[in-house]
């Protein structure tokens, strides 16, 4: 009786452990924290610093731009959110320049902020795993200076011919060895066939069947 109870308890513990293992979620390493790297934080500080003293309106616009720039680097952000934030950053640079009436200080602030906007466009975004590439924006930017720029990717990821596409590496190895060619066999020379010379003798035409019939029919003698 005690032995059967011990066996039942062991079986129950084993089943409980199996169900717990199977129901536990698989934890994968994620590529998070890209929105607050030292380089990203320095860009946000640049956005706010270049509008100081330019008025409450521009300072509020810079605060909203920083928030949008942070969210654009998150996993759930759209493929073009980062580029759109960079375009808005360049719009802010033009507004700062205009606020200072394009004088020496205004031009200096615009140049510094423009550099920060370009740097922001090339920051790496968060992804759902190490080595997973973020999607590239396929739309053209509004500002020409952003043309051809794209966000950085996890250096452990897989590069493709179209940039970083997020595809996982395949297990099929690629070989660059050149296949060996089999030596060609010398074909045996065959005697050329001579075509028969066409005959020039005219063929005899068959005689008419009526002419070939014999006319020596037996004659019948009438009764005397």
N, C-alpha and C. Protein backbone atom coordinates (compact mmCIF):
# COMPACT_ATOMS: atom_id res chain seq x y z
N UNK A 1 0.84 -1.21 0.00
CA UNK A 1 0.00 0.00 0.00
C UNK A 1 0.87 1.26 0.00
N UNK A 2 1.89 1.26 0.88
CA UNK A 2 2.78 2.42 0.93
C UNK A 2 3.58 2.57 -0.35
N UNK A 3 3.98 1.43 -0.93
CA UNK A 3 4.75 1.47 -2.16
C UNK A 3 3.94 2.09 -3.32
N UNK A 4 2.67 1.71 -3.40
CA UNK A 4 1.81 2.25 -4.46
C UNK A 4 1.58 3.74 -4.29
N UNK A 5 1.49 4.18 -3.03
CA UNK A 5 1.32 5.61 -2.78
C UNK A 5 2.56 6.40 -3.19
N UNK A 6 3.74 5.84 -2.90
CA UNK A 6 4.98 6.51 -3.29
C UNK A 6 5.11 6.61 -4.80
N UNK A 7 4.71 5.51 -5.47
CA UNK A 7 4.76 5.54 -6.93
C UNK A 7 3.81 6.58 -7.50
N UNK A 8 2.62 6.67 -6.90
CA UNK A 8 1.63 7.66 -7.37
C UNK A 8 2.15 9.07 -7.18
N UNK A 9 2.83 9.32 -6.04
CA UNK A 9 3.37 10.65 -5.78
C UNK A 9 4.48 10.99 -6.77
N UNK A 10 5.35 10.01 -7.05
CA UNK A 10 6.44 10.24 -8.00
C UNK A 10 5.90 10.53 -9.39
N UNK A 11 4.88 9.78 -9.80
CA UNK A 11 4.28 10.00 -11.11
C UNK A 11 3.64 11.38 -11.18
N UNK A 12 2.97 11.79 -10.12
CA UNK A 12 2.32 13.09 -10.09
C UNK A 12 3.34 14.22 -10.17
N UNK A 13 4.46 14.08 -9.44
CA UNK A 13 5.50 15.10 -9.48
C UNK A 13 6.11 15.19 -10.88
N UNK A 14 6.34 14.03 -11.50
CA UNK A 14 6.92 14.02 -12.84
C UNK A 14 5.99 14.69 -13.85
N UNK A 15 4.70 14.40 -13.77
CA UNK A 15 3.73 15.02 -14.68
C UNK A 15 3.66 16.53 -14.47
N UNK A 16 3.69 16.95 -13.21
CA UNK A 16 3.64 18.38 -12.91
C UNK A 16 4.85 19.09 -13.47
N UNK A 17 6.03 18.49 -13.34
CA UNK A 17 7.25 19.09 -13.87
C UNK A 17 7.21 19.18 -15.39
N UNK A 18 6.68 18.14 -16.04
CA UNK A 18 6.58 18.14 -17.50
C UNK A 18 5.65 19.23 -18.00
N UNK A 19 4.50 19.38 -17.36
CA UNK A 19 3.55 20.41 -17.76
C UNK A 19 4.12 21.81 -17.54
N UNK A 20 4.88 21.97 -16.46
CA UNK A 20 5.46 23.29 -16.17
C UNK A 20 6.49 23.68 -17.21
N UNK A 21 7.32 22.73 -17.62
CA UNK A 21 8.35 23.00 -18.62
C UNK A 21 7.74 23.32 -19.97
N UNK A 22 6.72 22.56 -20.35
CA UNK A 22 6.09 22.76 -21.66
C UNK A 22 5.32 24.06 -21.74
N UNK A 23 4.77 24.51 -20.62
CA UNK A 23 3.96 25.73 -20.63
C UNK A 23 4.78 26.99 -20.42
N UNK A 24 6.06 26.85 -20.06
CA UNK A 24 6.89 28.04 -19.81
C UNK A 24 7.23 28.72 -21.13
N UNK A 25 7.13 30.04 -21.21
CA UNK A 25 7.47 30.74 -22.46
C UNK A 25 8.96 30.68 -22.73
N UNK A 26 9.32 30.67 -24.01
CA UNK A 26 10.72 30.68 -24.40
C UNK A 26 11.24 32.11 -24.36
N UNK A 27 12.26 32.35 -23.56
CA UNK A 27 12.80 33.68 -23.39
C UNK A 27 13.92 33.89 -24.40
N UNK A 28 13.78 34.90 -25.24
CA UNK A 28 14.79 35.22 -26.23
C UNK A 28 15.42 36.57 -25.90
N UNK A 29 16.67 36.69 -26.24
CA UNK A 29 17.35 37.96 -26.05
C UNK A 29 16.84 38.98 -27.06
N UNK A 30 16.51 40.15 -26.59
CA UNK A 30 15.99 41.18 -27.48
C UNK A 30 16.98 42.34 -27.57
N UNK A 31 16.94 42.99 -28.71
CA UNK A 31 17.84 44.11 -28.96
C UNK A 31 17.11 45.38 -28.53
N UNK A 32 17.10 45.65 -27.21
CA UNK A 32 16.40 46.81 -26.68
C UNK A 32 17.40 47.83 -26.17
N UNK A 33 16.87 49.03 -25.82
CA UNK A 33 17.69 50.08 -25.25
C UNK A 33 18.39 50.95 -26.26
N UNK A 34 18.08 50.77 -27.56
CA UNK A 34 18.74 51.58 -28.58
C UNK A 34 18.28 53.04 -28.53
N UNK A 35 17.11 53.29 -27.93
CA UNK A 35 16.59 54.65 -27.90
C UNK A 35 17.30 55.52 -26.86
N UNK A 36 18.10 54.90 -26.00
CA UNK A 36 18.81 55.66 -24.98
C UNK A 36 20.28 55.26 -24.87
N UNK A 37 20.91 55.08 -26.01
CA UNK A 37 22.36 54.89 -26.01
C UNK A 37 23.01 56.26 -25.77
N UNK A 38 24.27 56.30 -25.40
CA UNK A 38 24.93 57.60 -25.22
C UNK A 38 24.85 58.49 -26.46
N UNK A 39 24.95 57.89 -27.64
CA UNK A 39 24.87 58.68 -28.87
C UNK A 39 23.47 59.24 -29.07
N UNK A 40 22.44 58.42 -28.77
CA UNK A 40 21.07 58.89 -28.92
C UNK A 40 20.76 60.01 -27.93
N UNK A 41 21.19 59.85 -26.69
CA UNK A 41 20.92 60.87 -25.67
C UNK A 41 21.63 62.19 -26.02
N UNK A 42 22.82 62.10 -26.63
CA UNK A 42 23.52 63.33 -27.01
C UNK A 42 22.78 64.05 -28.13
N UNK A 43 22.11 63.30 -29.01
CA UNK A 43 21.32 63.92 -30.07
C UNK A 43 20.12 64.65 -29.47
N UNK A 44 19.45 64.02 -28.49
CA UNK A 44 18.30 64.66 -27.86
C UNK A 44 18.73 65.95 -27.16
N UNK A 45 19.88 65.91 -26.48
CA UNK A 45 20.40 67.12 -25.81
C UNK A 45 20.70 68.22 -26.84
N UNK A 46 21.20 67.82 -28.00
CA UNK A 46 21.50 68.79 -29.05
C UNK A 46 20.21 69.47 -29.54
N UNK A 47 19.16 68.69 -29.70
CA UNK A 47 17.88 69.24 -30.17
C UNK A 47 17.37 70.31 -29.21
N UNK A 48 17.50 70.05 -27.91
CA UNK A 48 17.00 71.01 -26.92
C UNK A 48 17.94 72.19 -26.76
N UNK A 49 19.24 71.94 -26.87
CA UNK A 49 20.21 73.02 -26.64
C UNK A 49 20.17 74.09 -27.72
N UNK A 50 19.90 73.69 -28.97
CA UNK A 50 19.96 74.65 -30.08
C UNK A 50 18.74 75.56 -30.15
N UNK A 51 17.73 75.32 -29.30
CA UNK A 51 16.56 76.20 -29.30
C UNK A 51 16.46 77.02 -28.02
N UNK A 52 17.41 76.84 -27.12
CA UNK A 52 17.37 77.63 -25.88
C UNK A 52 17.49 79.12 -26.20
N UNK A 53 16.57 79.87 -25.63
CA UNK A 53 16.58 81.31 -25.86
C UNK A 53 15.89 81.71 -27.15
N UNK A 54 15.34 80.74 -27.87
CA UNK A 54 14.67 81.06 -29.14
C UNK A 54 13.17 81.26 -28.95
N UNK A 55 12.71 81.21 -27.73
CA UNK A 55 11.29 81.43 -27.48
C UNK A 55 10.60 80.16 -27.00
N UNK A 56 9.48 80.36 -26.30
CA UNK A 56 8.73 79.24 -25.73
C UNK A 56 8.21 78.32 -26.81
N UNK A 57 7.78 78.88 -27.92
CA UNK A 57 7.19 78.06 -28.99
C UNK A 57 8.20 77.06 -29.55
N UNK A 58 9.41 77.53 -29.84
CA UNK A 58 10.42 76.64 -30.40
C UNK A 58 10.93 75.66 -29.34
N UNK A 59 11.00 76.06 -28.10
CA UNK A 59 11.43 75.17 -27.04
C UNK A 59 10.40 74.04 -26.85
N UNK A 60 9.12 74.38 -26.94
CA UNK A 60 8.08 73.35 -26.85
C UNK A 60 8.13 72.41 -28.05
N UNK A 61 8.43 72.97 -29.23
CA UNK A 61 8.55 72.14 -30.43
C UNK A 61 9.72 71.18 -30.31
N UNK A 62 10.82 71.64 -29.68
CA UNK A 62 11.97 70.76 -29.48
C UNK A 62 11.65 69.64 -28.51
N UNK A 63 10.87 69.95 -27.46
CA UNK A 63 10.47 68.91 -26.51
C UNK A 63 9.60 67.85 -27.16
N UNK A 64 8.67 68.28 -28.00
CA UNK A 64 7.82 67.32 -28.72
C UNK A 64 8.64 66.50 -29.71
N UNK A 65 9.64 67.12 -30.33
CA UNK A 65 10.50 66.41 -31.27
C UNK A 65 11.32 65.33 -30.57
N UNK A 66 11.83 65.64 -29.37
CA UNK A 66 12.60 64.64 -28.63
C UNK A 66 11.72 63.43 -28.30
N UNK A 67 10.49 63.67 -27.84
CA UNK A 67 9.59 62.56 -27.53
C UNK A 67 9.31 61.71 -28.77
N UNK A 68 9.04 62.37 -29.89
CA UNK A 68 8.78 61.62 -31.14
C UNK A 68 10.02 60.85 -31.58
N UNK A 69 11.18 61.43 -31.37
CA UNK A 69 12.42 60.76 -31.79
C UNK A 69 12.68 59.52 -30.95
N UNK A 70 12.35 59.55 -29.67
CA UNK A 70 12.52 58.38 -28.80
C UNK A 70 11.59 57.27 -29.23
N UNK A 71 10.33 57.58 -29.41
CA UNK A 71 9.34 56.56 -29.80
C UNK A 71 9.63 55.97 -31.18
N UNK A 72 10.25 56.76 -32.06
CA UNK A 72 10.54 56.28 -33.41
C UNK A 72 11.62 55.20 -33.42
N UNK A 73 12.35 55.04 -32.32
CA UNK A 73 13.39 54.02 -32.25
C UNK A 73 12.92 52.74 -31.55
N UNK A 74 11.67 52.70 -31.14
CA UNK A 74 11.15 51.52 -30.46
C UNK A 74 10.75 50.44 -31.46
N UNK A 75 10.51 49.23 -30.96
CA UNK A 75 10.21 48.08 -31.83
C UNK A 75 8.92 48.30 -32.62
N UNK A 76 7.90 48.83 -31.97
CA UNK A 76 6.59 48.97 -32.61
C UNK A 76 6.48 50.18 -33.51
N UNK A 77 7.53 50.96 -33.63
CA UNK A 77 7.49 52.14 -34.50
C UNK A 77 7.44 51.72 -35.96
N UNK A 78 6.87 52.59 -36.79
CA UNK A 78 6.80 52.32 -38.22
C UNK A 78 8.17 52.42 -38.87
N UNK A 79 8.28 51.83 -40.05
CA UNK A 79 9.57 51.80 -40.74
C UNK A 79 10.07 53.20 -41.10
N UNK A 80 9.15 54.15 -41.28
CA UNK A 80 9.55 55.51 -41.70
C UNK A 80 9.42 56.53 -40.57
N UNK A 81 9.09 56.11 -39.35
CA UNK A 81 8.95 57.06 -38.24
C UNK A 81 10.26 57.77 -37.92
N UNK A 82 11.36 57.04 -37.98
CA UNK A 82 12.66 57.64 -37.70
C UNK A 82 13.00 58.68 -38.75
N UNK A 83 12.76 58.38 -40.00
CA UNK A 83 13.04 59.35 -41.07
C UNK A 83 12.13 60.58 -40.94
N UNK A 84 10.87 60.37 -40.58
CA UNK A 84 9.95 61.50 -40.40
C UNK A 84 10.40 62.41 -39.25
N UNK A 85 10.92 61.79 -38.17
CA UNK A 85 11.42 62.60 -37.05
C UNK A 85 12.65 63.40 -37.48
N UNK A 86 13.49 62.81 -38.32
CA UNK A 86 14.66 63.53 -38.82
C UNK A 86 14.23 64.70 -39.71
N UNK A 87 13.19 64.50 -40.51
CA UNK A 87 12.66 65.60 -41.32
C UNK A 87 12.13 66.73 -40.44
N UNK A 88 11.44 66.37 -39.36
CA UNK A 88 10.92 67.37 -38.43
C UNK A 88 12.06 68.11 -37.72
N UNK A 89 13.15 67.39 -37.46
CA UNK A 89 14.32 68.01 -36.85
C UNK A 89 14.91 69.08 -37.77
N UNK A 90 14.98 68.77 -39.05
CA UNK A 90 15.49 69.75 -40.03
C UNK A 90 14.53 70.92 -40.19
N UNK A 91 13.23 70.67 -40.07
CA UNK A 91 12.27 71.77 -40.09
C UNK A 91 12.53 72.71 -38.92
N UNK A 92 12.83 72.13 -37.76
CA UNK A 92 13.11 72.94 -36.57
C UNK A 92 14.39 73.76 -36.77
N UNK A 93 15.37 73.19 -37.44
CA UNK A 93 16.61 73.93 -37.71
C UNK A 93 16.34 75.15 -38.57
N UNK A 94 15.45 75.00 -39.56
CA UNK A 94 15.10 76.15 -40.40
C UNK A 94 14.36 77.22 -39.59
N UNK A 95 13.51 76.79 -38.67
CA UNK A 95 12.75 77.75 -37.85
C UNK A 95 13.68 78.51 -36.90
N UNK A 96 14.69 77.81 -36.37
CA UNK A 96 15.65 78.47 -35.49
C UNK A 96 16.45 79.51 -36.26
N UNK A 97 16.85 79.16 -37.47
CA UNK A 97 17.60 80.09 -38.30
C UNK A 97 16.76 81.33 -38.61
N UNK A 98 15.49 81.09 -38.91
CA UNK A 98 14.61 82.22 -39.22
C UNK A 98 14.35 83.08 -37.97
N UNK A 99 14.31 82.44 -36.82
CA UNK A 99 14.07 83.19 -35.57
C UNK A 99 15.18 84.19 -35.31
N UNK A 100 16.39 83.82 -35.63
CA UNK A 100 17.53 84.72 -35.44
C UNK A 100 17.84 85.51 -36.71
N UNK A 101 16.88 85.53 -37.65
CA UNK A 101 16.96 86.30 -38.88
C UNK A 101 18.22 85.97 -39.67
N UNK A 102 18.58 84.70 -39.65
CA UNK A 102 19.72 84.19 -40.43
C UNK A 102 21.02 84.93 -40.14
N UNK A 103 21.17 85.42 -38.93
CA UNK A 103 22.44 86.07 -38.59
C UNK A 103 23.47 85.01 -38.24
N UNK A 104 24.61 85.44 -37.72
CA UNK A 104 25.71 84.51 -37.46
C UNK A 104 25.31 83.44 -36.45
N UNK A 105 24.62 83.85 -35.40
CA UNK A 105 24.19 82.87 -34.39
C UNK A 105 23.15 81.91 -34.95
N UNK A 106 22.22 82.44 -35.73
CA UNK A 106 21.19 81.59 -36.32
C UNK A 106 21.77 80.54 -37.24
N UNK A 107 22.74 80.95 -38.05
CA UNK A 107 23.37 80.00 -38.98
C UNK A 107 24.17 78.94 -38.21
N UNK A 108 24.83 79.36 -37.13
CA UNK A 108 25.61 78.40 -36.34
C UNK A 108 24.69 77.37 -35.68
N UNK A 109 23.57 77.84 -35.15
CA UNK A 109 22.62 76.92 -34.52
C UNK A 109 22.02 75.96 -35.55
N UNK A 110 21.70 76.49 -36.71
CA UNK A 110 21.13 75.63 -37.76
C UNK A 110 22.13 74.56 -38.19
N UNK A 111 23.39 74.94 -38.34
CA UNK A 111 24.41 73.98 -38.76
C UNK A 111 24.58 72.87 -37.72
N UNK A 112 24.61 73.25 -36.44
CA UNK A 112 24.78 72.26 -35.38
C UNK A 112 23.57 71.34 -35.29
N UNK A 113 22.38 71.91 -35.40
CA UNK A 113 21.18 71.10 -35.30
C UNK A 113 21.02 70.19 -36.52
N UNK A 114 21.41 70.69 -37.69
CA UNK A 114 21.35 69.86 -38.90
C UNK A 114 22.24 68.63 -38.76
N UNK A 115 23.42 68.83 -38.20
CA UNK A 115 24.33 67.70 -37.99
C UNK A 115 23.71 66.66 -37.05
N UNK A 116 23.01 67.14 -36.02
CA UNK A 116 22.35 66.23 -35.08
C UNK A 116 21.20 65.48 -35.76
N UNK A 117 20.49 66.16 -36.65
CA UNK A 117 19.38 65.50 -37.37
C UNK A 117 19.90 64.37 -38.24
N UNK A 118 21.01 64.60 -38.93
CA UNK A 118 21.61 63.58 -39.79
C UNK A 118 22.10 62.41 -38.95
N UNK A 119 22.70 62.71 -37.81
CA UNK A 119 23.17 61.64 -36.91
C UNK A 119 22.01 60.81 -36.41
N UNK A 120 20.91 61.48 -36.04
CA UNK A 120 19.74 60.76 -35.53
C UNK A 120 19.19 59.81 -36.57
N UNK A 121 19.16 60.22 -37.82
CA UNK A 121 18.60 59.36 -38.88
C UNK A 121 19.34 58.04 -38.98
N UNK A 122 20.60 58.01 -38.57
CA UNK A 122 21.42 56.81 -38.73
C UNK A 122 21.58 56.01 -37.44
N UNK A 123 20.81 56.36 -36.41
CA UNK A 123 20.86 55.59 -35.16
C UNK A 123 20.21 54.22 -35.34
N UNK A 124 20.66 53.27 -34.56
CA UNK A 124 20.09 51.91 -34.62
C UNK A 124 18.76 51.89 -33.87
N UNK A 125 17.81 51.12 -34.38
CA UNK A 125 16.50 50.97 -33.73
C UNK A 125 16.44 49.65 -32.96
N UNK A 126 15.49 49.59 -32.03
CA UNK A 126 15.26 48.34 -31.29
C UNK A 126 14.69 47.27 -32.21
N UNK A 127 15.01 46.02 -31.91
CA UNK A 127 14.45 44.88 -32.64
C UNK A 127 14.07 43.79 -31.66
N UNK A 128 13.37 42.79 -32.15
CA UNK A 128 12.87 41.72 -31.28
C UNK A 128 13.92 40.66 -30.94
N UNK A 129 15.12 40.82 -31.42
CA UNK A 129 16.14 39.82 -31.11
C UNK A 129 17.51 40.25 -31.59
N UNK A 130 18.54 39.70 -30.99
CA UNK A 130 19.90 39.99 -31.43
C UNK A 130 20.10 39.50 -32.87
N UNK A 131 20.70 40.35 -33.68
CA UNK A 131 20.96 39.97 -35.07
C UNK A 131 19.80 40.18 -36.00
N UNK A 132 18.63 40.57 -35.47
CA UNK A 132 17.45 40.81 -36.32
C UNK A 132 17.50 42.25 -36.84
N UNK A 133 17.36 42.42 -38.13
CA UNK A 133 17.44 43.76 -38.73
C UNK A 133 16.10 44.47 -38.68
N UNK A 134 16.13 45.77 -38.51
CA UNK A 134 14.92 46.59 -38.57
C UNK A 134 14.61 46.94 -40.02
N UNK A 135 13.32 47.12 -40.28
CA UNK A 135 12.87 47.37 -41.66
C UNK A 135 13.33 48.75 -42.13
N UNK A 136 13.72 48.83 -43.39
CA UNK A 136 14.13 50.10 -43.99
C UNK A 136 12.92 50.86 -44.51
N UNK A 137 12.99 52.17 -44.46
CA UNK A 137 11.93 53.02 -45.01
C UNK A 137 12.09 53.07 -46.53
N UNK A 138 10.99 52.89 -47.23
CA UNK A 138 11.02 52.90 -48.70
C UNK A 138 10.51 54.21 -49.28
N UNK A 139 10.17 55.17 -48.42
CA UNK A 139 9.68 56.47 -48.88
C UNK A 139 10.84 57.47 -48.95
N UNK A 140 10.72 58.42 -49.85
CA UNK A 140 11.77 59.45 -49.98
C UNK A 140 11.60 60.50 -48.89
N UNK A 141 12.71 60.97 -48.30
CA UNK A 141 12.60 62.03 -47.29
C UNK A 141 12.25 63.37 -47.91
N UNK A 142 11.77 64.28 -47.08
CA UNK A 142 11.43 65.62 -47.59
C UNK A 142 12.66 66.49 -47.80
N UNK A 143 13.69 66.23 -47.03
CA UNK A 143 14.92 67.02 -47.13
C UNK A 143 15.98 66.23 -47.88
N UNK A 144 16.61 66.90 -48.83
CA UNK A 144 17.58 66.23 -49.70
C UNK A 144 18.78 65.69 -48.93
N UNK A 145 19.14 66.33 -47.83
CA UNK A 145 20.31 65.91 -47.08
C UNK A 145 20.13 64.51 -46.46
N UNK A 146 18.88 64.06 -46.35
CA UNK A 146 18.60 62.74 -45.78
C UNK A 146 18.54 61.63 -46.83
N UNK A 147 18.64 62.01 -48.09
CA UNK A 147 18.54 61.00 -49.15
C UNK A 147 19.71 60.02 -49.07
N UNK A 148 19.40 58.75 -49.17
CA UNK A 148 20.41 57.70 -49.14
C UNK A 148 20.83 57.28 -47.74
N UNK A 149 20.28 57.92 -46.70
CA UNK A 149 20.63 57.54 -45.33
C UNK A 149 19.67 56.49 -44.81
N UNK A 150 20.16 55.64 -43.94
CA UNK A 150 19.34 54.60 -43.32
C UNK A 150 19.86 54.34 -41.92
N UNK A 151 19.04 53.72 -41.09
CA UNK A 151 19.44 53.44 -39.72
C UNK A 151 20.51 52.35 -39.67
N UNK A 152 21.33 52.41 -38.62
CA UNK A 152 22.34 51.37 -38.41
C UNK A 152 21.64 50.07 -38.00
N UNK A 153 22.33 48.95 -38.20
CA UNK A 153 21.79 47.65 -37.85
C UNK A 153 22.71 46.95 -36.85
N UNK A 154 22.16 45.96 -36.20
CA UNK A 154 22.95 45.17 -35.26
C UNK A 154 24.11 44.54 -36.03
N UNK A 155 25.36 44.79 -35.64
CA UNK A 155 26.49 44.24 -36.40
C UNK A 155 26.56 42.72 -36.42
N UNK A 156 25.81 42.06 -35.54
CA UNK A 156 25.81 40.59 -35.55
C UNK A 156 24.76 40.03 -36.51
N UNK A 157 24.01 40.94 -37.18
CA UNK A 157 22.95 40.49 -38.07
C UNK A 157 23.49 40.04 -39.41
N UNK A 158 22.56 39.61 -40.27
CA UNK A 158 22.89 39.10 -41.60
C UNK A 158 22.65 40.18 -42.62
N UNK A 159 23.68 40.49 -43.43
CA UNK A 159 23.53 41.44 -44.53
C UNK A 159 23.02 40.73 -45.75
N UNK A 160 22.14 41.42 -46.50
CA UNK A 160 21.63 40.89 -47.76
C UNK A 160 21.95 41.88 -48.87
N UNK A 161 21.66 41.49 -50.09
CA UNK A 161 21.94 42.38 -51.22
C UNK A 161 21.08 43.63 -51.20
N UNK A 162 19.93 43.57 -50.53
CA UNK A 162 19.05 44.73 -50.44
C UNK A 162 19.24 45.45 -49.12
N UNK A 163 20.39 45.34 -48.51
CA UNK A 163 20.60 45.93 -47.20
C UNK A 163 20.24 44.92 -46.13
N UNK A 164 19.77 45.40 -45.02
CA UNK A 164 19.35 44.52 -43.95
C UNK A 164 17.87 44.26 -44.09
N UNK A 165 17.50 43.04 -44.36
CA UNK A 165 16.11 42.71 -44.57
C UNK A 165 15.47 42.00 -43.41
N UNK A 166 16.24 41.59 -42.42
CA UNK A 166 15.68 40.88 -41.29
C UNK A 166 15.53 39.41 -41.51
N UNK A 167 16.01 38.88 -42.63
CA UNK A 167 15.87 37.46 -42.88
C UNK A 167 16.88 36.69 -42.05
N UNK A 168 16.51 35.50 -41.63
CA UNK A 168 17.41 34.67 -40.85
C UNK A 168 18.36 33.94 -41.78
N UNK A 169 19.59 33.66 -41.32
CA UNK A 169 20.54 32.96 -42.18
C UNK A 169 20.11 31.55 -42.47
N UNK A 170 20.41 31.08 -43.64
CA UNK A 170 20.04 29.73 -44.02
C UNK A 170 21.12 28.76 -43.61
N UNK A 171 20.75 27.49 -43.49
CA UNK A 171 21.70 26.46 -43.11
C UNK A 171 22.43 25.89 -44.30
N UNK A 172 22.06 26.30 -45.51
CA UNK A 172 22.67 25.74 -46.70
C UNK A 172 23.98 26.44 -46.99
N UNK A 173 25.10 25.72 -46.93
CA UNK A 173 26.39 26.39 -47.20
C UNK A 173 26.53 26.69 -48.67
N UNK A 174 27.19 27.77 -48.95
CA UNK A 174 27.45 28.14 -50.34
C UNK A 174 28.90 27.85 -50.66
N UNK A 175 29.15 27.23 -51.78
CA UNK A 175 30.51 26.89 -52.19
C UNK A 175 30.84 27.65 -53.45
N UNK A 176 32.08 28.10 -53.50
CA UNK A 176 32.52 28.86 -54.68
C UNK A 176 33.47 28.06 -55.55
N UNK A 177 33.56 26.73 -55.26
CA UNK A 177 34.49 25.91 -56.04
C UNK A 177 33.97 25.75 -57.46
N UNK A 178 34.88 25.84 -58.42
CA UNK A 178 34.51 25.70 -59.82
C UNK A 178 34.45 24.22 -60.17
N UNK A 179 33.33 23.76 -60.74
CA UNK A 179 33.24 22.34 -61.08
C UNK A 179 34.28 21.95 -62.10
N UNK A 180 34.85 20.75 -61.87
CA UNK A 180 35.88 20.27 -62.80
C UNK A 180 35.24 19.82 -64.10
N UNK A 181 35.91 20.14 -65.18
CA UNK A 181 35.39 19.78 -66.49
C UNK A 181 36.01 18.46 -66.94
N UNK A 182 35.18 17.61 -67.47
CA UNK A 182 35.66 16.33 -67.98
C UNK A 182 36.36 16.55 -69.32
N UNK A 183 37.51 15.86 -69.51
CA UNK A 183 38.21 16.03 -70.80
C UNK A 183 37.38 15.49 -71.94
N UNK A 184 37.41 16.22 -73.01
CA UNK A 184 36.63 15.81 -74.18
C UNK A 184 37.37 14.70 -74.93
N UNK A 185 36.62 13.72 -75.33
CA UNK A 185 37.20 12.62 -76.10
C UNK A 185 37.28 13.02 -77.57
N UNK A 186 38.40 12.57 -78.20
CA UNK A 186 38.55 12.86 -79.63
C UNK A 186 37.58 12.01 -80.42
N UNK A 187 36.70 12.61 -81.12
CA UNK A 187 35.73 11.80 -81.88
C UNK A 187 36.41 11.05 -83.02
N UNK A 188 35.96 9.83 -83.19
CA UNK A 188 36.52 9.02 -84.28
C UNK A 188 36.07 9.57 -85.62
N UNK A 189 37.05 9.61 -86.53
CA UNK A 189 36.73 10.12 -87.86
C UNK A 189 36.01 9.05 -88.65
N UNK A 190 34.93 9.40 -89.20
CA UNK A 190 34.15 8.47 -90.01
C UNK A 190 34.33 8.82 -91.48
N UNK A 191 34.34 7.74 -92.29
CA UNK A 191 34.45 7.94 -93.74
C UNK A 191 33.22 8.66 -94.24
N UNK A 192 33.43 9.68 -94.96
CA UNK A 192 32.23 10.40 -95.45
C UNK A 192 31.44 9.55 -96.43
N UNK A 193 30.19 9.56 -96.24
CA UNK A 193 29.30 8.80 -97.12
C UNK A 193 29.15 9.54 -98.44
N UNK A 194 29.25 8.73 -99.54
CA UNK A 194 29.09 9.32 -100.88
C UNK A 194 27.66 9.12 -101.31
N UNK A 195 27.08 10.17 -101.70
CA UNK A 195 25.71 10.08 -102.15
C UNK A 195 25.67 9.51 -103.56
N UNK A 196 24.70 8.64 -103.82
CA UNK A 196 24.60 8.05 -105.16
C UNK A 196 24.31 9.11 -106.22
N UNK A 197 25.00 8.88 -107.38
CA UNK A 197 24.79 9.83 -108.48
C UNK A 197 23.44 9.55 -109.14
N UNK A 198 22.65 10.53 -109.25
CA UNK A 198 21.32 10.28 -109.86
C UNK A 198 21.45 9.82 -111.30
N UNK A 199 20.67 8.80 -111.67
CA UNK A 199 20.71 8.23 -113.02
C UNK A 199 20.10 9.18 -114.03
N UNK A 200 20.80 9.23 -115.19
CA UNK A 200 20.28 10.13 -116.24
C UNK A 200 19.51 9.38 -117.32
N UNK A 201 19.44 8.00 -117.19
CA UNK A 201 18.73 7.21 -118.19
C UNK A 201 17.25 7.41 -118.02
N UNK A 202 16.56 7.78 -119.09
CA UNK A 202 15.10 8.01 -118.95
C UNK A 202 14.39 6.70 -118.72
N UNK A 203 13.45 6.72 -117.88
CA UNK A 203 12.66 5.52 -117.58
C UNK A 203 11.64 5.32 -118.67
N UNK A 204 11.44 4.03 -119.02
CA UNK A 204 10.48 3.69 -120.08
C UNK A 204 9.09 3.82 -119.56
N UNK A 205 8.28 4.48 -120.34
CA UNK A 205 6.89 4.65 -119.97
C UNK A 205 6.12 3.38 -120.25
N UNK A 206 5.26 2.97 -119.40
CA UNK A 206 4.45 1.76 -119.65
C UNK A 206 3.51 1.98 -120.83
N UNK A 207 3.41 0.91 -121.60
CA UNK A 207 2.50 0.99 -122.75
C UNK A 207 1.07 1.02 -122.32
N UNK A 208 0.26 1.56 -123.19
CA UNK A 208 -1.16 1.62 -122.89
C UNK A 208 -1.70 0.22 -122.78
N UNK A 209 -2.52 0.01 -121.77
CA UNK A 209 -3.06 -1.34 -121.54
C UNK A 209 -3.91 -1.81 -122.70
N UNK A 210 -4.50 -0.91 -123.47
CA UNK A 210 -5.34 -1.32 -124.59
C UNK A 210 -4.49 -1.84 -125.74
N UNK A 211 -3.29 -1.24 -125.91
CA UNK A 211 -2.43 -1.68 -126.99
C UNK A 211 -1.77 -3.00 -126.69
N UNK A 212 -1.66 -3.33 -125.37
CA UNK A 212 -0.99 -4.57 -125.01
C UNK A 212 -1.88 -5.79 -125.15
N UNK A 213 -3.13 -5.58 -125.38
CA UNK A 213 -4.06 -6.73 -125.52
C UNK A 213 -3.87 -7.35 -126.89
N UNK A 214 -3.75 -8.64 -126.93
CA UNK A 214 -3.55 -9.36 -128.20
C UNK A 214 -4.80 -9.29 -129.04
N UNK A 215 -4.59 -9.10 -130.38
CA UNK A 215 -5.74 -8.99 -131.31
C UNK A 215 -5.98 -10.29 -132.07
N UNK A 216 -5.15 -11.30 -131.77
CA UNK A 216 -5.32 -12.58 -132.51
C UNK A 216 -6.36 -13.40 -131.82
N UNK A 217 -7.57 -12.98 -131.92
CA UNK A 217 -8.68 -13.73 -131.35
C UNK A 217 -9.05 -14.84 -132.33
N UNK A 218 -9.46 -15.99 -131.86
CA UNK A 218 -9.89 -17.08 -132.78
C UNK A 218 -11.14 -16.69 -133.50
N UNK A 219 -11.16 -16.94 -134.84
CA UNK A 219 -12.33 -16.61 -135.69
C UNK A 219 -13.24 -17.81 -135.74
N UNK A 220 -14.45 -17.55 -135.70
CA UNK A 220 -15.47 -18.64 -135.77
C UNK A 220 -16.00 -18.74 -137.18
N UNK A 221 -16.10 -19.97 -137.64
CA UNK A 221 -16.62 -20.23 -139.00
C UNK A 221 -18.10 -20.49 -138.95
N UNK A 222 -18.81 -19.84 -139.81
CA UNK A 222 -20.26 -20.01 -139.83
C UNK A 222 -20.65 -21.39 -140.35
N UNK A 223 -21.82 -21.85 -140.08
CA UNK A 223 -22.32 -23.18 -140.56
C UNK A 223 -22.42 -23.15 -142.06
N UNK A 224 -21.96 -24.23 -142.64
CA UNK A 224 -22.01 -24.35 -144.09
C UNK A 224 -23.44 -24.48 -144.55
